[in-house]
């Protein structure tokens, strides 16, 4: 037979121990920020630099419309915009492919491939781009043509080719300075893109690689199906910033006579001695292109963060 406890516990004691007391939110009783405080916060967070750039750009646009000198300068320089964009797109397309291949080489287990990739990256990153343009345009391209000519003569001497063949027919003038500038820029930025790709690949969690191994995927399959899609998604913003940097660095090919907007600006200023209007216009064109591309990169970053 069950017996009741002599002194049953009151119901209130159960309530006291099982239900914690309600606490007021931390911001209850705190005074709301005043209008002046909110206004100060808004003014401090406002991107004033955008307003300054917009005002300066508007002032320049008014000058372009009303001042005949500015108008003439813009018409003369704007012809080179197409070449500037062409050089940038061509060089960066090559640099992206070269950077990805070099990044895979740096991460390769093959000793020769790894050391060759690391050597390329270290050497190229240690030489200024302007010096590289001079070396490729005036030294290595003519040297390469000479090597190919000698190779053609050697093969013709062995009877493998005719005396007049496609190797001996090559001439230094066949490779214009536009192509030489593209080669120099692509090889230079290929080293920088390689480091971006390498960092993106190494940022993928080790567990995903192990999961691919457990599924029986080969190294190439795991790289193509699992690692690279995620790595490329992560490196798109820095690659976009590199593209903007190359757009500005494309002005360096003007030193070898490529008629992009910087070279045209130099020619106009040297012929007319109108230096302020010429270089203000040149700076405005570069700033407009880079701001548009920067806005595109920021939009891409927001889309990637939102999934």
C-alpha atoms as a PDB file:
ATOM      1  CA  UNK A   1       0.000   0.000   0.000  1.00  0.00           C
ATOM      2  CA  UNK A   2       1.396   3.399  -1.026  1.00  0.00           C
ATOM      3  CA  UNK A   3       1.938   5.979   1.660  1.00  0.00           C
ATOM      4  CA  UNK A   4       1.787   9.729   1.064  1.00  0.00           C
ATOM      5  CA  UNK A   5       4.706  11.810   2.237  1.00  0.00           C
ATOM      6  CA  UNK A   6       4.197  13.370   5.613  1.00  0.00           C
ATOM      7  CA  UNK A   7       4.932  16.890   4.392  1.00  0.00           C
ATOM      8  CA  UNK A   8       4.168  17.265   0.698  1.00  0.00           C
ATOM      9  CA  UNK A   9       6.152  19.901  -1.221  1.00  0.00           C
ATOM     10  CA  UNK A  10       4.015  22.933  -1.956  1.00  0.00           C
ATOM     11  CA  UNK A  11       3.160  23.590  -5.600  1.00  0.00           C
ATOM     12  CA  UNK A  12       4.663  27.062  -5.406  1.00  0.00           C
ATOM     13  CA  UNK A  13       8.105  25.593  -4.749  1.00  0.00           C
ATOM     14  CA  UNK A  14       7.906  23.650  -8.003  1.00  0.00           C
ATOM     15  CA  UNK A  15       7.020  26.821  -9.862  1.00  0.00           C
ATOM     16  CA  UNK A  16       9.849  28.707  -8.203  1.00  0.00           C
ATOM     17  CA  UNK A  17      12.448  26.131  -9.276  1.00  0.00           C
ATOM     18  CA  UNK A  18      11.275  25.231 -12.786  1.00  0.00           C
ATOM     19  CA  UNK A  19      10.267  28.611 -14.245  1.00  0.00           C
ATOM     20  CA  UNK A  20      13.103  31.124 -14.438  1.00  0.00           C
ATOM     21  CA  UNK A  21      12.216  34.701 -13.729  1.00  0.00           C
ATOM     22  CA  UNK A  22      11.566  36.893 -16.737  1.00  0.00           C
ATOM     23  CA  UNK A  23      14.279  39.411 -17.482  1.00  0.00           C
ATOM     24  CA  UNK A  24      13.700  42.702 -19.200  1.00  0.00           C
ATOM     25  CA  UNK A  25      15.499  43.193 -22.532  1.00  0.00           C
ATOM     26  CA  UNK A  26      18.779  44.985 -22.286  1.00  0.00           C
ATOM     27  CA  UNK A  27      17.583  47.990 -24.265  1.00  0.00           C
ATOM     28  CA  UNK A  28      14.424  48.550 -22.189  1.00  0.00           C
ATOM     29  CA  UNK A  29      14.716  51.838 -20.431  1.00  0.00           C
ATOM     30  CA  UNK A  30      17.601  52.982 -22.595  1.00  0.00           C
ATOM     31  CA  UNK A  31      16.857  56.344 -24.178  1.00  0.00           C
ATOM     32  CA  UNK A  32      16.505  56.443 -27.954  1.00  0.00           C
ATOM     33  CA  UNK A  33      19.311  58.209 -29.801  1.00  0.00           C
ATOM     34  CA  UNK A  34      18.562  61.824 -30.486  1.00  0.00           C
ATOM     35  CA  UNK A  35      18.031  63.228 -33.948  1.00  0.00           C
ATOM     36  CA  UNK A  36      21.415  64.905 -33.887  1.00  0.00           C
ATOM     37  CA  UNK A  37      23.106  61.596 -32.977  1.00  0.00           C
ATOM     38  CA  UNK A  38      21.343  59.755 -35.830  1.00  0.00           C
ATOM     39  CA  UNK A  39      22.212  62.547 -38.242  1.00  0.00           C
ATOM     40  CA  UNK A  40      25.848  62.407 -37.140  1.00  0.00           C
ATOM     41  CA  UNK A  41      25.937  58.650 -37.771  1.00  0.00           C
ATOM     42  CA  UNK A  42      24.422  59.053 -41.243  1.00  0.00           C
ATOM     43  CA  UNK A  43      26.862  61.808 -42.171  1.00  0.00           C
ATOM     44  CA  UNK A  44      29.859  59.837 -40.909  1.00  0.00           C
ATOM     45  CA  UNK A  45      28.852  56.715 -42.896  1.00  0.00           C
ATOM     46  CA  UNK A  46      27.980  58.573 -46.103  1.00  0.00           C
ATOM     47  CA  UNK A  47      30.435  57.868 -48.963  1.00  0.00           C
ATOM     48  CA  UNK A  48      31.547  61.445 -49.474  1.00  0.00           C
ATOM     49  CA  UNK A  49      34.209  60.348 -51.938  1.00  0.00           C
ATOM     50  CA  UNK A  50      31.493  59.331 -54.379  1.00  0.00           C
ATOM     51  CA  UNK A  51      29.998  62.811 -54.167  1.00  0.00           C
ATOM     52  CA  UNK A  52      33.397  64.422 -54.729  1.00  0.00           C
ATOM     53  CA  UNK A  53      34.140  62.195 -57.744  1.00  0.00           C
ATOM     54  CA  UNK A  54      30.656  62.818 -59.138  1.00  0.00           C
ATOM     55  CA  UNK A  55      31.079  66.599 -58.762  1.00  0.00           C
ATOM     56  CA  UNK A  56      34.506  66.523 -60.419  1.00  0.00           C
ATOM     57  CA  UNK A  57      33.193  64.331 -63.246  1.00  0.00           C
ATOM     58  CA  UNK A  58      30.188  66.612 -63.746  1.00  0.00           C
ATOM     59  CA  UNK A  59      32.504  69.618 -63.907  1.00  0.00           C
ATOM     60  CA  UNK A  60      34.665  67.885 -66.519  1.00  0.00           C
ATOM     61  CA  UNK A  61      31.627  66.873 -68.566  1.00  0.00           C
ATOM     62  CA  UNK A  62      30.485  70.509 -68.595  1.00  0.00           C
ATOM     63  CA  UNK A  63      33.970  71.471 -69.747  1.00  0.00           C
ATOM     64  CA  UNK A  64      33.856  68.848 -72.494  1.00  0.00           C
ATOM     65  CA  UNK A  65      30.557  70.217 -73.749  1.00  0.00           C
ATOM     66  CA  UNK A  66      31.329  73.940 -73.508  1.00  0.00           C
ATOM     67  CA  UNK A  67      35.095  74.085 -74.073  1.00  0.00           C
ATOM     68  CA  UNK A  68      36.178  73.396 -77.633  1.00  0.00           C
ATOM     69  CA  UNK A  69      39.706  72.414 -76.508  1.00  0.00           C
ATOM     70  CA  UNK A  70      38.408  69.668 -74.208  1.00  0.00           C
ATOM     71  CA  UNK A  71      36.040  68.543 -76.936  1.00  0.00           C
ATOM     72  CA  UNK A  72      38.869  68.237 -79.440  1.00  0.00           C
ATOM     73  CA  UNK A  73      41.097  66.388 -76.954  1.00  0.00           C
ATOM     74  CA  UNK A  74      38.387  63.835 -76.146  1.00  0.00           C
ATOM     75  CA  UNK A  75      37.676  63.201 -79.837  1.00  0.00           C
ATOM     76  CA  UNK A  76      41.380  62.614 -80.486  1.00  0.00           C
ATOM     77  CA  UNK A  77      42.016  60.355 -77.461  1.00  0.00           C
ATOM     78  CA  UNK A  78      38.759  58.381 -77.539  1.00  0.00           C
ATOM     79  CA  UNK A  79      39.879  56.662 -80.736  1.00  0.00           C
ATOM     80  CA  UNK A  80      42.308  54.620 -78.614  1.00  0.00           C
ATOM     81  CA  UNK A  81      39.664  53.328 -76.170  1.00  0.00           C
ATOM     82  CA  UNK A  82      38.897  50.383 -78.428  1.00  0.00           C
ATOM     83  CA  UNK A  83      42.572  49.412 -78.565  1.00  0.00           C
ATOM     84  CA  UNK A  84      42.948  49.827 -74.794  1.00  0.00           C
ATOM     85  CA  UNK A  85      39.998  47.507 -74.167  1.00  0.00           C
ATOM     86  CA  UNK A  86      41.253  45.034 -76.793  1.00  0.00           C
ATOM     87  CA  UNK A  87      44.735  44.868 -75.262  1.00  0.00           C
ATOM     88  CA  UNK A  88      43.288  44.457 -71.758  1.00  0.00           C
ATOM     89  CA  UNK A  89      40.797  41.732 -72.671  1.00  0.00           C
ATOM     90  CA  UNK A  90      43.276  39.783 -74.803  1.00  0.00           C
ATOM     91  CA  UNK A  91      46.099  39.944 -72.264  1.00  0.00           C
ATOM     92  CA  UNK A  92      43.873  39.077 -69.314  1.00  0.00           C
ATOM     93  CA  UNK A  93      42.267  36.127 -71.077  1.00  0.00           C
ATOM     94  CA  UNK A  94      45.717  34.644 -71.655  1.00  0.00           C
ATOM     95  CA  UNK A  95      46.780  35.535 -68.104  1.00  0.00           C
ATOM     96  CA  UNK A  96      43.784  33.701 -66.593  1.00  0.00           C
ATOM     97  CA  UNK A  97      44.579  30.472 -68.453  1.00  0.00           C
ATOM     98  CA  UNK A  98      48.294  30.781 -67.721  1.00  0.00           C
ATOM     99  CA  UNK A  99      47.612  31.550 -64.054  1.00  0.00           C
ATOM    100  CA  UNK A 100      45.372  28.513 -63.585  1.00  0.00           C
ATOM    101  CA  UNK A 101      47.872  26.183 -65.258  1.00  0.00           C
ATOM    102  CA  UNK A 102      50.739  27.628 -63.210  1.00  0.00           C
ATOM    103  CA  UNK A 103      48.740  27.335 -59.976  1.00  0.00           C
ATOM    104  CA  UNK A 104      48.101  23.660 -60.683  1.00  0.00           C
ATOM    105  CA  UNK A 105      51.806  23.319 -61.416  1.00  0.00           C
ATOM    106  CA  UNK A 106      52.723  24.839 -58.055  1.00  0.00           C
ATOM    107  CA  UNK A 107      50.432  22.349 -56.307  1.00  0.00           C
ATOM    108  CA  UNK A 108      51.586  19.412 -58.426  1.00  0.00           C
ATOM    109  CA  UNK A 109      53.408  16.442 -56.943  1.00  0.00           C
ATOM    110  CA  UNK A 110      55.690  16.420 -59.973  1.00  0.00           C
ATOM    111  CA  UNK A 111      59.009  17.966 -58.940  1.00  0.00           C
ATOM    112  CA  UNK A 112      59.823  19.415 -62.367  1.00  0.00           C
ATOM    113  CA  UNK A 113      56.392  20.977 -62.904  1.00  0.00           C
ATOM    114  CA  UNK A 114      56.278  22.392 -59.385  1.00  0.00           C
ATOM    115  CA  UNK A 115      59.723  23.974 -59.526  1.00  0.00           C
ATOM    116  CA  UNK A 116      59.181  25.344 -63.045  1.00  0.00           C
ATOM    117  CA  UNK A 117      55.911  26.984 -61.949  1.00  0.00           C
ATOM    118  CA  UNK A 118      57.442  28.449 -58.778  1.00  0.00           C
ATOM    119  CA  UNK A 119      60.432  29.747 -60.761  1.00  0.00           C
ATOM    120  CA  UNK A 120      58.160  31.482 -63.275  1.00  0.00           C
ATOM    121  CA  UNK A 121      56.048  33.111 -60.551  1.00  0.00           C
ATOM    122  CA  UNK A 122      58.999  34.305 -58.476  1.00  0.00           C
ATOM    123  CA  UNK A 123      60.950  35.711 -61.425  1.00  0.00           C
ATOM    124  CA  UNK A 124      58.028  37.498 -63.047  1.00  0.00           C
ATOM    125  CA  UNK A 125      56.715  38.971 -59.800  1.00  0.00           C
ATOM    126  CA  UNK A 126      60.172  40.299 -58.989  1.00  0.00           C
ATOM    127  CA  UNK A 127      60.568  42.351 -62.184  1.00  0.00           C
ATOM    128  CA  UNK A 128      58.637  45.598 -62.824  1.00  0.00           C
ATOM    129  CA  UNK A 129      56.036  45.327 -65.562  1.00  0.00           C
ATOM    130  CA  UNK A 130      57.580  48.205 -67.508  1.00  0.00           C
ATOM    131  CA  UNK A 131      60.920  46.404 -67.620  1.00  0.00           C
ATOM    132  CA  UNK A 132      59.175  43.197 -68.704  1.00  0.00           C
ATOM    133  CA  UNK A 133      57.528  45.050 -71.589  1.00  0.00           C
ATOM    134  CA  UNK A 134      60.919  46.271 -72.794  1.00  0.00           C
ATOM    135  CA  UNK A 135      62.467  42.803 -72.412  1.00  0.00           C
ATOM    136  CA  UNK A 136      59.703  40.992 -74.291  1.00  0.00           C
ATOM    137  CA  UNK A 137      59.199  43.596 -76.986  1.00  0.00           C
ATOM    138  CA  UNK A 138      62.814  44.432 -77.750  1.00  0.00           C
ATOM    139  CA  UNK A 139      64.819  41.389 -76.620  1.00  0.00           C
ATOM    140  CA  UNK A 140      62.977  38.092 -76.301  1.00  0.00           C
ATOM    141  CA  UNK A 141      60.646  38.355 -79.307  1.00  0.00           C
ATOM    142  CA  UNK A 142      63.507  39.121 -81.745  1.00  0.00           C
ATOM    143  CA  UNK A 143      65.583  36.415 -80.025  1.00  0.00           C
ATOM    144  CA  UNK A 144      62.762  33.904 -80.456  1.00  0.00           C
ATOM    145  CA  UNK A 145      62.442  34.739 -84.162  1.00  0.00           C
ATOM    146  CA  UNK A 146      66.192  34.194 -84.599  1.00  0.00           C
ATOM    147  CA  UNK A 147      65.979  30.828 -82.845  1.00  0.00           C
ATOM    148  CA  UNK A 148      63.106  29.731 -85.093  1.00  0.00           C
ATOM    149  CA  UNK A 149      64.981  30.894 -88.201  1.00  0.00           C
ATOM    150  CA  UNK A 150      68.054  28.908 -87.172  1.00  0.00           C
ATOM    151  CA  UNK A 151      65.874  25.894 -86.422  1.00  0.00           C
ATOM    152  CA  UNK A 152      64.356  26.118 -89.893  1.00  0.00           C
ATOM    153  CA  UNK A 153      67.803  26.319 -91.464  1.00  0.00           C
ATOM    154  CA  UNK A 154      68.975  23.338 -89.430  1.00  0.00           C
ATOM    155  CA  UNK A 155      65.989  21.211 -90.390  1.00  0.00           C
ATOM    156  CA  UNK A 156      66.472  22.219 -94.022  1.00  0.00           C
ATOM    157  CA  UNK A 157      70.138  21.158 -93.797  1.00  0.00           C
ATOM    158  CA  UNK A 158      69.032  17.752 -92.555  1.00  0.00           C
ATOM    159  CA  UNK A 159      66.628  17.427 -95.440  1.00  0.00           C
ATOM    160  CA  UNK A 160      63.548  17.439 -93.207  1.00  0.00           C
ATOM    161  CA  UNK A 161      62.242  20.710 -94.618  1.00  0.00           C
ATOM    162  CA  UNK A 162      62.687  22.670 -97.796  1.00  0.00           C
ATOM    163  CA  UNK A 163      65.260  25.440 -97.945  1.00  0.00           C
ATOM    164  CA  UNK A 164      62.501  28.044 -97.903  1.00  0.00           C
ATOM    165  CA  UNK A 165      60.119  26.966 -95.143  1.00  0.00           C
ATOM    166  CA  UNK A 166      57.717  28.599 -92.734  1.00  0.00           C
ATOM    167  CA  UNK A 167      60.381  28.857 -90.002  1.00  0.00           C
ATOM    168  CA  UNK A 168      62.930  30.647 -92.131  1.00  0.00           C
ATOM    169  CA  UNK A 169      60.195  32.910 -93.521  1.00  0.00           C
ATOM    170  CA  UNK A 170      59.429  34.359 -90.082  1.00  0.00           C
ATOM    171  CA  UNK A 171      60.405  37.996 -89.595  1.00  0.00           C
ATOM    172  CA  UNK A 172      60.551  40.189 -86.534  1.00  0.00           C
ATOM    173  CA  UNK A 173      58.164  42.628 -88.176  1.00  0.00           C
ATOM    174  CA  UNK A 174      55.534  39.880 -88.388  1.00  0.00           C
ATOM    175  CA  UNK A 175      54.898  40.310 -84.669  1.00  0.00           C
ATOM    176  CA  UNK A 176      53.644  43.846 -84.131  1.00  0.00           C
ATOM    177  CA  UNK A 177      54.141  45.873 -81.001  1.00  0.00           C
ATOM    178  CA  UNK A 178      50.503  45.424 -80.009  1.00  0.00           C
ATOM    179  CA  UNK A 179      51.024  41.676 -79.852  1.00  0.00           C
ATOM    180  CA  UNK A 180      54.300  42.137 -77.992  1.00  0.00           C
ATOM    181  CA  UNK A 181      52.573  44.308 -75.419  1.00  0.00           C
ATOM    182  CA  UNK A 182      49.814  41.722 -75.003  1.00  0.00           C
ATOM    183  CA  UNK A 183      52.422  38.983 -74.513  1.00  0.00           C
ATOM    184  CA  UNK A 184      54.260  41.010 -71.864  1.00  0.00           C
ATOM    185  CA  UNK A 185      51.103  41.923 -69.928  1.00  0.00           C
ATOM    186  CA  UNK A 186      49.676  38.395 -70.063  1.00  0.00           C
ATOM    187  CA  UNK A 187      52.900  36.791 -68.819  1.00  0.00           C
ATOM    188  CA  UNK A 188      53.212  39.365 -66.061  1.00  0.00           C
ATOM    189  CA  UNK A 189      49.645  39.045 -64.796  1.00  0.00           C
ATOM    190  CA  UNK A 190      49.717  35.292 -65.270  1.00  0.00           C
ATOM    191  CA  UNK A 191      52.072  35.124 -62.274  1.00  0.00           C
ATOM    192  CA  UNK A 192      49.746  37.237 -60.120  1.00  0.00           C
ATOM    193  CA  UNK A 193      46.684  35.247 -61.213  1.00  0.00           C
ATOM    194  CA  UNK A 194      48.567  32.061 -60.355  1.00  0.00           C
ATOM    195  CA  UNK A 195      48.871  33.124 -56.722  1.00  0.00           C
ATOM    196  CA  UNK A 196      45.169  33.968 -56.592  1.00  0.00           C
ATOM    197  CA  UNK A 197      44.191  30.579 -58.006  1.00  0.00           C
ATOM    198  CA  UNK A 198      46.621  28.766 -55.709  1.00  0.00           C
ATOM    199  CA  UNK A 199      45.176  30.473 -52.638  1.00  0.00           C
ATOM    200  CA  UNK A 200      41.627  29.685 -53.780  1.00  0.00           C
ATOM    201  CA  UNK A 201      42.391  25.994 -54.342  1.00  0.00           C
ATOM    202  CA  UNK A 202      44.156  25.664 -50.996  1.00  0.00           C
ATOM    203  CA  UNK A 203      41.215  27.330 -49.221  1.00  0.00           C
ATOM    204  CA  UNK A 204      38.966  24.325 -49.999  1.00  0.00           C
ATOM    205  CA  UNK A 205      38.497  22.217 -46.890  1.00  0.00           C
ATOM    206  CA  UNK A 206      40.554  19.040 -46.697  1.00  0.00           C
ATOM    207  CA  UNK A 207      37.448  17.046 -45.818  1.00  0.00           C
ATOM    208  CA  UNK A 208      35.980  17.611 -49.274  1.00  0.00           C
ATOM    209  CA  UNK A 209      39.085  16.188 -50.903  1.00  0.00           C
ATOM    210  CA  UNK A 210      38.919  13.168 -48.613  1.00  0.00           C
ATOM    211  CA  UNK A 211      35.233  12.713 -49.432  1.00  0.00           C
ATOM    212  CA  UNK A 212      36.087  12.714 -53.143  1.00  0.00           C
ATOM    213  CA  UNK A 213      38.754  10.075 -52.522  1.00  0.00           C
ATOM    214  CA  UNK A 214      36.280   7.940 -50.601  1.00  0.00           C
ATOM    215  CA  UNK A 215      33.877   8.096 -53.563  1.00  0.00           C
ATOM    216  CA  UNK A 216      36.591   6.700 -55.794  1.00  0.00           C
ATOM    217  CA  UNK A 217      37.129   9.864 -57.829  1.00  0.00           C
ATOM    218  CA  UNK A 218      40.474  10.359 -59.466  1.00  0.00           C
ATOM    219  CA  UNK A 219      42.577  13.412 -58.705  1.00  0.00           C
ATOM    220  CA  UNK A 220      41.543  15.018 -61.990  1.00  0.00           C
ATOM    221  CA  UNK A 221      37.842  14.286 -61.373  1.00  0.00           C
ATOM    222  CA  UNK A 222      37.897  15.697 -57.841  1.00  0.00           C
ATOM    223  CA  UNK A 223      39.716  18.764 -59.125  1.00  0.00           C
ATOM    224  CA  UNK A 224      37.260  19.331 -61.983  1.00  0.00           C
ATOM    225  CA  UNK A 225      34.027  18.454 -60.189  1.00  0.00           C
ATOM    226  CA  UNK A 226      34.613  19.532 -56.589  1.00  0.00           C
ATOM    227  CA  UNK A 227      37.642  21.731 -55.988  1.00  0.00           C
ATOM    228  CA  UNK A 228      37.799  24.075 -58.990  1.00  0.00           C
ATOM    229  CA  UNK A 229      34.088  25.085 -59.057  1.00  0.00           C
ATOM    230  CA  UNK A 230      34.292  26.215 -55.437  1.00  0.00           C
ATOM    231  CA  UNK A 231      37.748  27.767 -55.782  1.00  0.00           C
ATOM    232  CA  UNK A 232      36.783  29.791 -58.855  1.00  0.00           C
ATOM    233  CA  UNK A 233      33.724  31.098 -57.035  1.00  0.00           C
ATOM    234  CA  UNK A 234      35.954  32.307 -54.210  1.00  0.00           C
ATOM    235  CA  UNK A 235      38.593  33.937 -56.402  1.00  0.00           C
ATOM    236  CA  UNK A 236      36.254  35.806 -58.763  1.00  0.00           C
ATOM    237  CA  UNK A 237      36.369  39.116 -56.791  1.00  0.00           C
ATOM    238  CA  UNK A 238      40.197  39.297 -56.606  1.00  0.00           C
ATOM    239  CA  UNK A 239      40.387  38.310 -60.270  1.00  0.00           C
ATOM    240  CA  UNK A 240      38.026  41.182 -61.030  1.00  0.00           C
ATOM    241  CA  UNK A 241      40.306  43.554 -59.129  1.00  0.00           C
ATOM    242  CA  UNK A 242      43.256  42.236 -61.138  1.00  0.00           C
ATOM    243  CA  UNK A 243      41.373  42.980 -64.352  1.00  0.00           C
ATOM    244  CA  UNK A 244      40.882  46.580 -63.229  1.00  0.00           C
ATOM    245  CA  UNK A 245      44.579  46.810 -62.412  1.00  0.00           C
ATOM    246  CA  UNK A 246      45.484  45.474 -65.860  1.00  0.00           C
ATOM    247  CA  UNK A 247      43.247  48.072 -67.503  1.00  0.00           C
ATOM    248  CA  UNK A 248      45.352  50.757 -65.857  1.00  0.00           C
ATOM    249  CA  UNK A 249      48.630  48.925 -66.502  1.00  0.00           C
ATOM    250  CA  UNK A 250      47.752  48.722 -70.199  1.00  0.00           C
ATOM    251  CA  UNK A 251      48.892  52.340 -70.405  1.00  0.00           C
ATOM    252  CA  UNK A 252      52.459  51.043 -70.069  1.00  0.00           C
ATOM    253  CA  UNK A 253      52.421  49.591 -73.576  1.00  0.00           C
ATOM    254  CA  UNK A 254      52.493  53.177 -74.807  1.00  0.00           C
ATOM    255  CA  UNK A 255      56.262  53.103 -74.212  1.00  0.00           C
ATOM    256  CA  UNK A 256      56.651  50.777 -77.223  1.00  0.00           C
ATOM    257  CA  UNK A 257      54.442  52.899 -79.458  1.00  0.00           C
ATOM    258  CA  UNK A 258      51.069  51.153 -79.076  1.00  0.00           C
ATOM    259  CA  UNK A 259      48.453  53.777 -79.951  1.00  0.00           C
ATOM    260  CA  UNK A 260      46.127  53.296 -76.979  1.00  0.00           C
ATOM    261  CA  UNK A 261      44.668  56.293 -75.153  1.00  0.00           C
ATOM    262  CA  UNK A 262      47.817  57.141 -73.178  1.00  0.00           C
ATOM    263  CA  UNK A 263      49.969  57.164 -76.302  1.00  0.00           C
ATOM    264  CA  UNK A 264      47.403  59.295 -78.137  1.00  0.00           C
ATOM    265  CA  UNK A 265      47.284  61.677 -75.202  1.00  0.00           C
ATOM    266  CA  UNK A 266      51.066  62.018 -75.248  1.00  0.00           C
ATOM    267  CA  UNK A 267      51.021  62.669 -78.982  1.00  0.00           C
ATOM    268  CA  UNK A 268      48.323  65.331 -78.707  1.00  0.00           C
ATOM    269  CA  UNK A 269      50.035  67.096 -75.816  1.00  0.00           C
ATOM    270  CA  UNK A 270      53.401  67.048 -77.581  1.00  0.00           C
ATOM    271  CA  UNK A 271      51.906  68.490 -80.770  1.00  0.00           C
ATOM    272  CA  UNK A 272      49.637  71.132 -79.224  1.00  0.00           C
ATOM    273  CA  UNK A 273      51.320  71.866 -75.855  1.00  0.00           C
ATOM    274  CA  UNK A 274      47.853  71.667 -74.275  1.00  0.00           C
ATOM    275  CA  UNK A 275      48.933  69.669 -71.244  1.00  0.00           C
ATOM    276  CA  UNK A 276      46.251  70.323 -68.560  1.00  0.00           C
ATOM    277  CA  UNK A 277      43.245  69.609 -70.758  1.00  0.00           C
ATOM    278  CA  UNK A 278      44.910  66.565 -72.328  1.00  0.00           C
ATOM    279  CA  UNK A 279      45.884  64.804 -69.122  1.00  0.00           C
ATOM    280  CA  UNK A 280      42.698  65.789 -67.272  1.00  0.00           C
ATOM    281  CA  UNK A 281      40.752  64.175 -70.110  1.00  0.00           C
ATOM    282  CA  UNK A 282      42.984  61.104 -70.051  1.00  0.00           C
ATOM    283  CA  UNK A 283      42.557  60.706 -66.297  1.00  0.00           C
ATOM    284  CA  UNK A 284      38.790  61.133 -66.647  1.00  0.00           C
ATOM    285  CA  UNK A 285      38.571  58.335 -69.216  1.00  0.00           C
ATOM    286  CA  UNK A 286      40.576  55.906 -67.068  1.00  0.00           C
ATOM    287  CA  UNK A 287      38.641  56.853 -63.924  1.00  0.00           C
ATOM    288  CA  UNK A 288      35.304  56.348 -65.676  1.00  0.00           C
ATOM    289  CA  UNK A 289      36.265  52.895 -66.919  1.00  0.00           C
ATOM    290  CA  UNK A 290      37.706  51.772 -63.564  1.00  0.00           C
ATOM    291  CA  UNK A 291      34.735  53.058 -61.545  1.00  0.00           C
ATOM    292  CA  UNK A 292      32.294  51.197 -63.800  1.00  0.00           C
ATOM    293  CA  UNK A 293      34.337  47.997 -63.466  1.00  0.00           C
ATOM    294  CA  UNK A 294      34.695  48.486 -59.683  1.00  0.00           C
ATOM    295  CA  UNK A 295      30.920  48.783 -59.355  1.00  0.00           C
ATOM    296  CA  UNK A 296      30.583  45.533 -61.315  1.00  0.00           C
ATOM    297  CA  UNK A 297      33.073  43.766 -59.022  1.00  0.00           C
ATOM    298  CA  UNK A 298      31.241  44.974 -55.891  1.00  0.00           C
ATOM    299  CA  UNK A 299      27.927  43.788 -57.336  1.00  0.00           C
ATOM    300  CA  UNK A 300      29.483  40.392 -58.052  1.00  0.00           C
ATOM    301  CA  UNK A 301      30.802  40.181 -54.474  1.00  0.00           C
ATOM    302  CA  UNK A 302      27.334  40.887 -53.062  1.00  0.00           C
ATOM    303  CA  UNK A 303      25.761  38.264 -55.310  1.00  0.00           C
ATOM    304  CA  UNK A 304      28.341  35.675 -54.271  1.00  0.00           C
ATOM    305  CA  UNK A 305      27.809  36.421 -50.574  1.00  0.00           C
ATOM    306  CA  UNK A 306      24.037  36.149 -50.915  1.00  0.00           C
ATOM    307  CA  UNK A 307      24.446  32.736 -52.531  1.00  0.00           C
END
